[in-house]
C-alpha atoms as a PDB file:
ATOM      1  CA  UNK A   1     217.060  67.479 140.868  1.00  0.00           C
ATOM      2  CA  UNK A   2     219.582  69.660 142.610  1.00  0.00           C
ATOM      3  CA  UNK A   3     218.067  72.608 144.840  1.00  0.00           C
ATOM      4  CA  UNK A   4     220.965  74.373 145.865  1.00  0.00           C
ATOM      5  CA  UNK A   5     224.832  74.196 146.674  1.00  0.00           C
ATOM      6  CA  UNK A   6     226.624  75.744 149.747  1.00  0.00           C
ATOM      7  CA  UNK A   7     230.438  75.704 149.708  1.00  0.00           C
ATOM      8  CA  UNK A   8     233.511  77.814 149.643  1.00  0.00           C
ATOM      9  CA  UNK A   9     234.107  80.212 146.670  1.00  0.00           C
ATOM     10  CA  UNK A  10     237.277  79.396 145.086  1.00  0.00           C
ATOM     11  CA  UNK A  11     236.900  81.309 142.028  1.00  0.00           C
ATOM     12  CA  UNK A  12     234.736  83.828 140.359  1.00  0.00           C
ATOM     13  CA  UNK A  13     234.487  85.447 136.687  1.00  0.00           C
ATOM     14  CA  UNK A  14     231.671  87.360 135.285  1.00  0.00           C
ATOM     15  CA  UNK A  15     230.387  84.183 133.580  1.00  0.00           C
ATOM     16  CA  UNK A  16     231.475  81.500 136.065  1.00  0.00           C
ATOM     17  CA  UNK A  17     231.892  80.660 139.578  1.00  0.00           C
ATOM     18  CA  UNK A  18     233.512  77.731 140.998  1.00  0.00           C
ATOM     19  CA  UNK A  19     232.381  76.321 144.549  1.00  0.00           C
ATOM     20  CA  UNK A  20     234.470  73.913 146.590  1.00  0.00           C
ATOM     21  CA  UNK A  21     232.549  71.243 148.553  1.00  0.00           C
ATOM     22  CA  UNK A  22     234.511  69.072 150.945  1.00  0.00           C
ATOM     23  CA  UNK A  23     237.441  69.275 148.365  1.00  0.00           C
ATOM     24  CA  UNK A  24     235.084  68.682 145.282  1.00  0.00           C
ATOM     25  CA  UNK A  25     235.094  71.939 142.798  1.00  0.00           C
ATOM     26  CA  UNK A  26     231.669  72.663 141.081  1.00  0.00           C
ATOM     27  CA  UNK A  27     231.821  74.959 138.027  1.00  0.00           C
ATOM     28  CA  UNK A  28     228.628  77.168 137.681  1.00  0.00           C
ATOM     29  CA  UNK A  29     227.637  79.255 134.682  1.00  0.00           C
ATOM     30  CA  UNK A  30     226.577  82.575 136.150  1.00  0.00           C
ATOM     31  CA  UNK A  31     224.817  85.815 134.888  1.00  0.00           C
ATOM     32  CA  UNK A  32     226.353  89.136 135.652  1.00  0.00           C
ATOM     33  CA  UNK A  33     223.973  90.017 138.064  1.00  0.00           C
ATOM     34  CA  UNK A  34     224.920  86.879 140.229  1.00  0.00           C
ATOM     35  CA  UNK A  35     228.422  87.676 139.621  1.00  0.00           C
ATOM     36  CA  UNK A  36     227.948  91.204 141.068  1.00  0.00           C
ATOM     37  CA  UNK A  37     226.342  89.897 144.365  1.00  0.00           C
ATOM     38  CA  UNK A  38     228.946  87.167 145.083  1.00  0.00           C
ATOM     39  CA  UNK A  39     230.995  87.511 148.110  1.00  0.00           C
ATOM     40  CA  UNK A  40     234.903  87.736 148.556  1.00  0.00           C
ATOM     41  CA  UNK A  41     236.887  84.433 147.588  1.00  0.00           C
ATOM     42  CA  UNK A  42     237.210  81.875 150.183  1.00  0.00           C
ATOM     43  CA  UNK A  43     233.767  83.085 151.711  1.00  0.00           C
ATOM     44  CA  UNK A  44     230.865  80.779 152.161  1.00  0.00           C
ATOM     45  CA  UNK A  45     228.338  81.151 149.345  1.00  0.00           C
ATOM     46  CA  UNK A  46     225.046  79.406 148.558  1.00  0.00           C
ATOM     47  CA  UNK A  47     223.694  79.272 144.995  1.00  0.00           C
ATOM     48  CA  UNK A  48     220.216  77.988 143.825  1.00  0.00           C
ATOM     49  CA  UNK A  49     221.093  75.445 140.966  1.00  0.00           C
ATOM     50  CA  UNK A  50     219.573  74.423 137.517  1.00  0.00           C
ATOM     51  CA  UNK A  51     221.306  71.387 135.706  1.00  0.00           C
ATOM     52  CA  UNK A  52     220.960  71.392 132.135  1.00  0.00           C
ATOM     53  CA  UNK A  53     221.176  68.102 130.245  1.00  0.00           C
ATOM     54  CA  UNK A  54     221.955  67.402 126.809  1.00  0.00           C
ATOM     55  CA  UNK A  55     223.231  64.293 124.901  1.00  0.00           C
ATOM     56  CA  UNK A  56     227.067  65.117 125.435  1.00  0.00           C
ATOM     57  CA  UNK A  57     226.795  67.782 128.255  1.00  0.00           C
ATOM     58  CA  UNK A  58     226.074  68.064 131.740  1.00  0.00           C
ATOM     59  CA  UNK A  59     226.039  71.991 132.706  1.00  0.00           C
ATOM     60  CA  UNK A  60     225.483  73.482 135.998  1.00  0.00           C
ATOM     61  CA  UNK A  61     223.845  77.041 136.340  1.00  0.00           C
ATOM     62  CA  UNK A  62     223.765  79.082 139.466  1.00  0.00           C
ATOM     63  CA  UNK A  63     221.932  81.729 140.454  1.00  0.00           C
ATOM     64  CA  UNK A  64     222.129  84.116 143.705  1.00  0.00           C
ATOM     65  CA  UNK A  65     218.536  83.615 144.388  1.00  0.00           C
ATOM     66  CA  UNK A  66     215.574  81.595 143.740  1.00  0.00           C
ATOM     67  CA  UNK A  67     213.831  84.608 141.671  1.00  0.00           C
ATOM     68  CA  UNK A  68     216.565  84.821 139.025  1.00  0.00           C
ATOM     69  CA  UNK A  69     216.421  81.054 138.696  1.00  0.00           C
ATOM     70  CA  UNK A  70     212.685  81.041 137.984  1.00  0.00           C
ATOM     71  CA  UNK A  71     212.985  83.615 135.477  1.00  0.00           C
ATOM     72  CA  UNK A  72     215.587  81.598 134.037  1.00  0.00           C
ATOM     73  CA  UNK A  73     213.748  78.556 133.744  1.00  0.00           C
ATOM     74  CA  UNK A  74     210.504  80.518 132.511  1.00  0.00           C
ATOM     75  CA  UNK A  75     212.498  82.016 129.764  1.00  0.00           C
ATOM     76  CA  UNK A  76     213.691  78.272 128.761  1.00  0.00           C
ATOM     77  CA  UNK A  77     210.212  77.755 128.048  1.00  0.00           C
ATOM     78  CA  UNK A  78     210.120  80.118 125.178  1.00  0.00           C
ATOM     79  CA  UNK A  79     210.679  78.687 121.630  1.00  0.00           C
ATOM     80  CA  UNK A  80     214.536  79.854 120.422  1.00  0.00           C
ATOM     81  CA  UNK A  81     215.817  80.408 123.802  1.00  0.00           C
ATOM     82  CA  UNK A  82     218.091  78.201 125.497  1.00  0.00           C
ATOM     83  CA  UNK A  83     220.380  78.307 128.583  1.00  0.00           C
ATOM     84  CA  UNK A  84     223.273  80.325 127.094  1.00  0.00           C
ATOM     85  CA  UNK A  85     220.805  82.948 125.615  1.00  0.00           C
ATOM     86  CA  UNK A  86     218.744  82.977 128.902  1.00  0.00           C
ATOM     87  CA  UNK A  87     221.897  83.687 130.877  1.00  0.00           C
ATOM     88  CA  UNK A  88     222.502  86.446 128.331  1.00  0.00           C
ATOM     89  CA  UNK A  89     219.158  88.035 129.047  1.00  0.00           C
ATOM     90  CA  UNK A  90     219.814  87.745 132.497  1.00  0.00           C
ATOM     91  CA  UNK A  91     222.953  89.480 132.237  1.00  0.00           C
ATOM     92  CA  UNK A  92     221.653  92.128 130.075  1.00  0.00           C
ATOM     93  CA  UNK A  93     219.362  93.471 132.759  1.00  0.00           C
ATOM     94  CA  UNK A  94     218.222  93.346 136.037  1.00  0.00           C
ATOM     95  CA  UNK A  95     215.407  90.951 136.871  1.00  0.00           C
ATOM     96  CA  UNK A  96     213.531  94.076 138.198  1.00  0.00           C
ATOM     97  CA  UNK A  97     213.850  95.659 134.583  1.00  0.00           C
ATOM     98  CA  UNK A  98     213.198  92.084 132.988  1.00  0.00           C
ATOM     99  CA  UNK A  99     209.979  91.783 134.551  1.00  0.00           C
ATOM    100  CA  UNK A 100     208.787  95.342 134.135  1.00  0.00           C
ATOM    101  CA  UNK A 101     209.622  94.949 130.296  1.00  0.00           C
ATOM    102  CA  UNK A 102     207.694  91.953 129.931  1.00  0.00           C
ATOM    103  CA  UNK A 103     204.738  93.256 132.023  1.00  0.00           C
ATOM    104  CA  UNK A 104     204.534  96.371 130.171  1.00  0.00           C
ATOM    105  CA  UNK A 105     205.086  94.512 126.580  1.00  0.00           C
ATOM    106  CA  UNK A 106     208.099  96.798 125.897  1.00  0.00           C
ATOM    107  CA  UNK A 107     209.465  95.087 122.900  1.00  0.00           C
ATOM    108  CA  UNK A 108     212.322  97.756 122.172  1.00  0.00           C
ATOM    109  CA  UNK A 109     213.801  97.191 125.706  1.00  0.00           C
ATOM    110  CA  UNK A 110     213.753  93.140 125.310  1.00  0.00           C
ATOM    111  CA  UNK A 111     215.100  93.647 121.629  1.00  0.00           C
ATOM    112  CA  UNK A 112     217.923  95.716 122.832  1.00  0.00           C
ATOM    113  CA  UNK A 113     219.381  92.712 124.525  1.00  0.00           C
ATOM    114  CA  UNK A 114     222.210  91.005 122.361  1.00  0.00           C
ATOM    115  CA  UNK A 115     220.661  87.827 120.689  1.00  0.00           C
ATOM    116  CA  UNK A 116     216.991  88.877 121.230  1.00  0.00           C
ATOM    117  CA  UNK A 117     215.091  89.983 117.988  1.00  0.00           C
ATOM    118  CA  UNK A 118     211.848  91.474 117.799  1.00  0.00           C
ATOM    119  CA  UNK A 119     210.018  88.102 117.256  1.00  0.00           C
ATOM    120  CA  UNK A 120     211.591  86.492 120.240  1.00  0.00           C
ATOM    121  CA  UNK A 121     210.857  89.695 122.343  1.00  0.00           C
ATOM    122  CA  UNK A 122     207.353  89.253 121.191  1.00  0.00           C
ATOM    123  CA  UNK A 123     207.219  85.659 122.451  1.00  0.00           C
ATOM    124  CA  UNK A 124     208.633  86.879 125.437  1.00  0.00           C
ATOM    125  CA  UNK A 125     205.825  89.151 126.267  1.00  0.00           C
ATOM    126  CA  UNK A 126     203.156  86.912 125.093  1.00  0.00           C
ATOM    127  CA  UNK A 127     204.219  83.717 126.742  1.00  0.00           C
ATOM    128  CA  UNK A 128     205.584  85.001 130.179  1.00  0.00           C
ATOM    129  CA  UNK A 129     203.186  88.264 130.849  1.00  0.00           C
ATOM    130  CA  UNK A 130     200.731  86.095 133.063  1.00  0.00           C
ATOM    131  CA  UNK A 131     203.040  83.448 134.101  1.00  0.00           C
ATOM    132  CA  UNK A 132     205.422  86.250 135.700  1.00  0.00           C
ATOM    133  CA  UNK A 133     202.576  88.002 137.928  1.00  0.00           C
ATOM    134  CA  UNK A 134     203.926  85.967 141.280  1.00  0.00           C
ATOM    135  CA  UNK A 135     207.428  87.573 140.696  1.00  0.00           C
ATOM    136  CA  UNK A 136     205.936  91.075 140.010  1.00  0.00           C
ATOM    137  CA  UNK A 137     204.411  91.045 143.354  1.00  0.00           C
ATOM    138  CA  UNK A 138     207.819  90.348 145.005  1.00  0.00           C
ATOM    139  CA  UNK A 139     209.635  92.780 142.847  1.00  0.00           C
ATOM    140  CA  UNK A 140     206.880  95.260 144.125  1.00  0.00           C
ATOM    141  CA  UNK A 141     207.808  94.605 147.745  1.00  0.00           C
ATOM    142  CA  UNK A 142     211.352  94.689 147.050  1.00  0.00           C
ATOM    143  CA  UNK A 143     210.719  98.354 145.271  1.00  0.00           C
ATOM    144  CA  UNK A 144     208.787  99.606 148.378  1.00  0.00           C
ATOM    145  CA  UNK A 145     211.494  98.432 150.720  1.00  0.00           C
ATOM    146  CA  UNK A 146     214.124 100.340 148.672  1.00  0.00           C
ATOM    147  CA  UNK A 147     211.933 103.489 148.731  1.00  0.00           C
ATOM    148  CA  UNK A 148     211.381 103.316 152.695  1.00  0.00           C
ATOM    149  CA  UNK A 149     215.225 102.692 153.175  1.00  0.00           C
ATOM    150  CA  UNK A 150     216.942 105.162 150.565  1.00  0.00           C
ATOM    151  CA  UNK A 151     213.914 107.713 150.261  1.00  0.00           C
ATOM    152  CA  UNK A 152     212.863 109.091 146.989  1.00  0.00           C
ATOM    153  CA  UNK A 153     215.911 111.047 145.884  1.00  0.00           C
ATOM    154  CA  UNK A 154     218.312 108.051 146.880  1.00  0.00           C
ATOM    155  CA  UNK A 155     216.085 105.790 144.864  1.00  0.00           C
ATOM    156  CA  UNK A 156     216.899 107.862 141.798  1.00  0.00           C
ATOM    157  CA  UNK A 157     220.540 107.724 142.725  1.00  0.00           C
ATOM    158  CA  UNK A 158     220.251 103.993 143.164  1.00  0.00           C
ATOM    159  CA  UNK A 159     218.805 103.612 139.344  1.00  0.00           C
ATOM    160  CA  UNK A 160     221.565 105.905 138.171  1.00  0.00           C
ATOM    161  CA  UNK A 161     224.251 103.785 139.632  1.00  0.00           C
ATOM    162  CA  UNK A 162     222.533 100.454 138.464  1.00  0.00           C
ATOM    163  CA  UNK A 163     222.426 101.650 134.647  1.00  0.00           C
ATOM    164  CA  UNK A 164     226.077 102.364 135.212  1.00  0.00           C
ATOM    165  CA  UNK A 165     226.525  98.702 135.973  1.00  0.00           C
ATOM    166  CA  UNK A 166     227.225  98.808 139.441  1.00  0.00           C
ATOM    167  CA  UNK A 167     225.528  96.077 141.620  1.00  0.00           C
ATOM    168  CA  UNK A 168     222.604  96.774 143.849  1.00  0.00           C
ATOM    169  CA  UNK A 169     224.162  96.184 147.409  1.00  0.00           C
ATOM    170  CA  UNK A 170     227.326  98.272 146.437  1.00  0.00           C
ATOM    171  CA  UNK A 171     225.303 101.051 145.256  1.00  0.00           C
ATOM    172  CA  UNK A 172     223.056 100.926 148.212  1.00  0.00           C
ATOM    173  CA  UNK A 173     226.031 100.993 150.602  1.00  0.00           C
ATOM    174  CA  UNK A 174     227.655 103.977 148.573  1.00  0.00           C
ATOM    175  CA  UNK A 175     224.080 105.945 149.140  1.00  0.00           C
ATOM    176  CA  UNK A 176     223.899 105.082 152.577  1.00  0.00           C
ATOM    177  CA  UNK A 177     227.196 106.681 153.151  1.00  0.00           C
ATOM    178  CA  UNK A 178     226.433 109.875 151.399  1.00  0.00           C
ATOM    179  CA  UNK A 179     222.956 110.052 153.308  1.00  0.00           C
ATOM    180  CA  UNK A 180     224.630 109.616 156.654  1.00  0.00           C
ATOM    181  CA  UNK A 181     226.838 112.787 155.860  1.00  0.00           C
ATOM    182  CA  UNK A 182     223.683 114.469 156.395  1.00  0.00           C
ATOM    183  CA  UNK A 183     224.349 117.034 153.623  1.00  0.00           C
ATOM    184  CA  UNK A 184     221.465 118.580 151.685  1.00  0.00           C
ATOM    185  CA  UNK A 185     222.499 117.305 148.188  1.00  0.00           C
ATOM    186  CA  UNK A 186     220.943 117.431 144.905  1.00  0.00           C
ATOM    187  CA  UNK A 187     220.338 114.041 142.929  1.00  0.00           C
ATOM    188  CA  UNK A 188     223.262 114.955 140.852  1.00  0.00           C
ATOM    189  CA  UNK A 189     225.622 115.681 143.760  1.00  0.00           C
ATOM    190  CA  UNK A 190     224.588 112.437 145.572  1.00  0.00           C
ATOM    191  CA  UNK A 191     225.443 110.363 142.321  1.00  0.00           C
ATOM    192  CA  UNK A 192     228.820 112.252 142.156  1.00  0.00           C
ATOM    193  CA  UNK A 193     229.441 111.516 145.958  1.00  0.00           C
ATOM    194  CA  UNK A 194     228.327 107.797 145.710  1.00  0.00           C
ATOM    195  CA  UNK A 195     230.486 107.334 142.817  1.00  0.00           C
ATOM    196  CA  UNK A 196     233.425 108.653 145.022  1.00  0.00           C
ATOM    197  CA  UNK A 197     232.184 106.414 147.747  1.00  0.00           C
ATOM    198  CA  UNK A 198     232.597 103.205 145.507  1.00  0.00           C
END
Protein backbone atom coordinates (compact mmCIF):
# COMPACT_ATOMS: atom_id res chain seq x y z
CA UNK A 1 0.00 0.00 0.00
CA UNK A 2 2.71 2.50 1.02
CA UNK A 3 6.09 1.68 -0.56
CA UNK A 4 8.34 4.36 0.93
CA UNK A 5 8.40 7.81 2.51
CA UNK A 6 10.85 10.62 1.84
CA UNK A 7 11.08 13.73 3.96
CA UNK A 8 12.92 15.60 6.71
CA UNK A 9 13.99 13.65 9.79
CA UNK A 10 12.71 15.67 12.77
CA UNK A 11 13.05 13.14 15.58
CA UNK A 12 14.81 9.83 16.14
CA UNK A 13 14.91 7.37 19.03
CA UNK A 14 16.14 3.77 19.05
CA UNK A 15 12.56 2.58 18.45
CA UNK A 16 10.94 5.49 16.60
CA UNK A 17 11.59 8.05 13.86
CA UNK A 18 9.40 11.01 12.89
CA UNK A 19 9.56 12.28 9.31
CA UNK A 20 8.10 15.60 8.20
CA UNK A 21 6.56 15.57 4.73
CA UNK A 22 5.26 19.02 3.71
CA UNK A 23 4.35 19.94 7.29
CA UNK A 24 2.81 16.60 8.26
CA UNK A 25 4.76 14.45 10.74
CA UNK A 26 4.68 10.66 10.32
CA UNK A 27 5.81 8.47 13.23
CA UNK A 28 7.43 5.15 12.36
CA UNK A 29 8.45 2.28 14.58
CA UNK A 30 11.99 1.29 13.64
CA UNK A 31 14.59 -1.32 14.57
CA UNK A 32 17.88 -0.50 16.25
CA UNK A 33 19.59 -1.39 12.98
CA UNK A 34 17.64 1.28 11.08
CA UNK A 35 18.19 3.79 13.90
CA UNK A 36 21.97 3.37 13.63
CA UNK A 37 21.84 4.15 9.89
CA UNK A 38 19.69 7.28 10.15
CA UNK A 39 21.34 10.61 9.23
CA UNK A 40 21.52 13.70 11.46
CA UNK A 41 18.29 15.49 12.40
CA UNK A 42 16.90 17.88 9.76
CA UNK A 43 18.48 15.76 6.98
CA UNK A 44 16.41 14.29 4.18
CA UNK A 45 15.77 10.59 4.64
CA UNK A 46 13.92 7.83 2.82
CA UNK A 47 12.47 4.81 4.59
CA UNK A 48 10.84 1.73 3.12
CA UNK A 49 7.49 1.34 4.84
CA UNK A 50 5.04 -1.22 6.13
CA UNK A 51 1.56 -0.40 7.43
CA UNK A 52 0.21 -2.76 10.08
CA UNK A 53 -3.57 -2.60 10.45
CA UNK A 54 -5.59 -3.98 13.36
CA UNK A 55 -9.17 -3.23 14.36
CA UNK A 56 -8.12 -0.39 16.63
CA UNK A 57 -4.61 0.55 15.41
CA UNK A 58 -2.88 1.77 12.27
CA UNK A 59 0.88 1.56 12.87
CA UNK A 60 3.66 2.52 10.45
CA UNK A 61 6.96 0.62 10.47
CA UNK A 62 10.02 2.06 8.75
CA UNK A 63 13.12 0.35 7.37
CA UNK A 64 16.38 1.76 6.07
CA UNK A 65 16.38 -0.64 3.12
CA UNK A 66 14.11 -3.11 1.33
CA UNK A 67 16.11 -6.11 2.61
CA UNK A 68 15.25 -5.36 6.24
CA UNK A 69 11.59 -4.88 5.30
CA UNK A 70 11.61 -8.21 3.43
CA UNK A 71 12.97 -9.92 6.56
CA UNK A 72 10.31 -8.18 8.68
CA UNK A 73 7.42 -9.31 6.46
CA UNK A 74 8.89 -12.83 6.29
CA UNK A 75 8.98 -12.96 10.09
CA UNK A 76 5.32 -11.87 10.26
CA UNK A 77 4.39 -15.04 8.36
CA UNK A 78 5.55 -17.19 11.29
CA UNK A 79 2.99 -18.25 13.87
CA UNK A 80 3.64 -16.47 17.17
CA UNK A 81 5.56 -13.51 15.67
CA UNK A 82 3.74 -10.19 15.42
CA UNK A 83 5.13 -6.80 14.35
CA UNK A 84 6.50 -5.91 17.79
CA UNK A 85 8.43 -9.18 18.13
CA UNK A 86 9.62 -8.99 14.49
CA UNK A 87 10.98 -5.53 15.26
CA UNK A 88 12.71 -6.92 18.38
CA UNK A 89 14.31 -9.69 16.29
CA UNK A 90 15.68 -7.15 13.79
CA UNK A 91 16.97 -5.03 16.68
CA UNK A 92 18.56 -8.06 18.35
CA UNK A 93 20.99 -8.86 15.54
CA UNK A 94 22.06 -7.67 12.11
CA UNK A 95 20.23 -8.85 9.00
CA UNK A 96 23.38 -10.74 8.00
CA UNK A 97 23.60 -12.64 11.28
CA UNK A 98 19.87 -13.39 11.29
CA UNK A 99 19.91 -14.87 7.78
CA UNK A 100 23.07 -16.87 8.59
CA UNK A 101 21.45 -18.28 11.75
CA UNK A 102 18.29 -19.30 9.87
CA UNK A 103 20.20 -20.77 6.91
CA UNK A 104 22.56 -22.60 9.27
CA UNK A 105 19.75 -23.91 11.49
CA UNK A 106 21.32 -22.24 14.54
CA UNK A 107 18.56 -22.48 17.17
CA UNK A 108 20.85 -21.27 19.96
CA UNK A 109 21.57 -17.93 18.26
CA UNK A 110 17.91 -17.35 17.40
CA UNK A 111 16.77 -18.33 20.92
CA UNK A 112 19.17 -15.76 22.38
CA UNK A 113 16.88 -12.98 21.10
CA UNK A 114 14.45 -11.68 23.70
CA UNK A 115 10.98 -13.16 23.14
CA UNK A 116 12.14 -16.01 20.88
CA UNK A 117 11.87 -19.44 22.49
CA UNK A 118 13.12 -22.76 21.18
CA UNK A 119 9.87 -23.65 19.37
CA UNK A 120 9.65 -20.26 17.65
CA UNK A 121 13.31 -20.54 16.63
CA UNK A 122 12.59 -23.96 15.12
CA UNK A 123 9.60 -22.57 13.21
CA UNK A 124 11.75 -19.70 11.90
CA UNK A 125 14.33 -22.17 10.56
CA UNK A 126 11.80 -24.56 8.98
CA UNK A 127 9.57 -21.89 7.43
CA UNK A 128 12.19 -19.34 6.32
CA UNK A 129 15.23 -21.38 5.28
CA UNK A 130 14.19 -21.69 1.62
CA UNK A 131 12.35 -18.38 1.55
CA UNK A 132 15.50 -16.42 2.43
CA UNK A 133 17.73 -17.85 -0.30
CA UNK A 134 17.36 -14.71 -2.41
CA UNK A 135 18.30 -12.53 0.55
CA UNK A 136 21.27 -14.80 1.26
CA UNK A 137 22.63 -14.11 -2.25
CA UNK A 138 22.47 -10.36 -1.60
CA UNK A 139 24.26 -10.76 1.72
CA UNK A 140 27.03 -12.82 0.11
CA UNK A 141 27.61 -10.01 -2.36
CA UNK A 142 27.71 -7.45 0.43
CA UNK A 143 30.18 -9.51 2.44
CA UNK A 144 32.45 -9.88 -0.62
CA UNK A 145 32.40 -6.11 -1.13
CA UNK A 146 33.32 -5.62 2.53
CA UNK A 147 36.29 -7.99 2.19
CA UNK A 148 37.54 -6.14 -0.88
CA UNK A 149 37.08 -2.74 0.78
CA UNK A 150 38.51 -3.51 4.23
CA UNK A 151 40.75 -6.53 3.71
CA UNK A 152 40.75 -9.65 5.88
CA UNK A 153 41.99 -8.06 9.12
CA UNK A 154 39.73 -5.05 8.54
CA UNK A 155 36.76 -7.41 8.25
CA UNK A 156 37.70 -9.00 11.60
CA UNK A 157 37.81 -5.55 13.19
CA UNK A 158 34.42 -4.76 11.62
CA UNK A 159 32.86 -7.90 13.11
CA UNK A 160 34.26 -6.96 16.53
CA UNK A 161 32.85 -3.42 16.34
CA UNK A 162 29.45 -4.66 15.16
CA UNK A 163 29.33 -7.10 18.08
CA UNK A 164 30.02 -4.16 20.40
CA UNK A 165 26.89 -2.45 19.06
CA UNK A 166 28.37 0.11 16.64
CA UNK A 167 26.64 0.70 13.30
CA UNK A 168 28.18 -0.72 10.12
CA UNK A 169 28.83 2.65 8.39
CA UNK A 170 30.29 4.15 11.59
CA UNK A 171 32.58 1.13 12.07
CA UNK A 172 33.70 1.11 8.43
CA UNK A 173 34.60 4.83 8.59
CA UNK A 174 36.66 4.27 11.74
CA UNK A 175 38.50 1.27 10.22
CA UNK A 176 39.19 3.25 7.06
CA UNK A 177 40.80 6.02 9.14
CA UNK A 178 43.02 3.49 10.91
CA UNK A 179 44.04 1.84 7.62
CA UNK A 180 44.81 5.18 5.96
CA UNK A 181 47.40 5.86 8.68
CA UNK A 182 49.39 3.09 6.98
CA UNK A 183 50.76 1.48 10.16
CA UNK A 184 51.31 -2.27 10.37
CA UNK A 185 48.98 -3.27 13.19
CA UNK A 186 47.60 -6.46 14.68
CA UNK A 187 43.81 -6.95 14.72
CA UNK A 188 43.74 -6.10 18.46
CA UNK A 189 45.63 -2.84 17.87
CA UNK A 190 43.33 -1.96 14.98
CA UNK A 191 40.27 -2.50 17.21
CA UNK A 192 41.73 -0.18 19.88
CA UNK A 193 42.53 2.55 17.34
CA UNK A 194 39.15 2.18 15.62
CA UNK A 195 37.40 2.61 19.01
CA UNK A 196 39.45 5.77 19.58
CA UNK A 197 38.49 7.04 16.13
CA UNK A 198 34.79 6.46 16.92
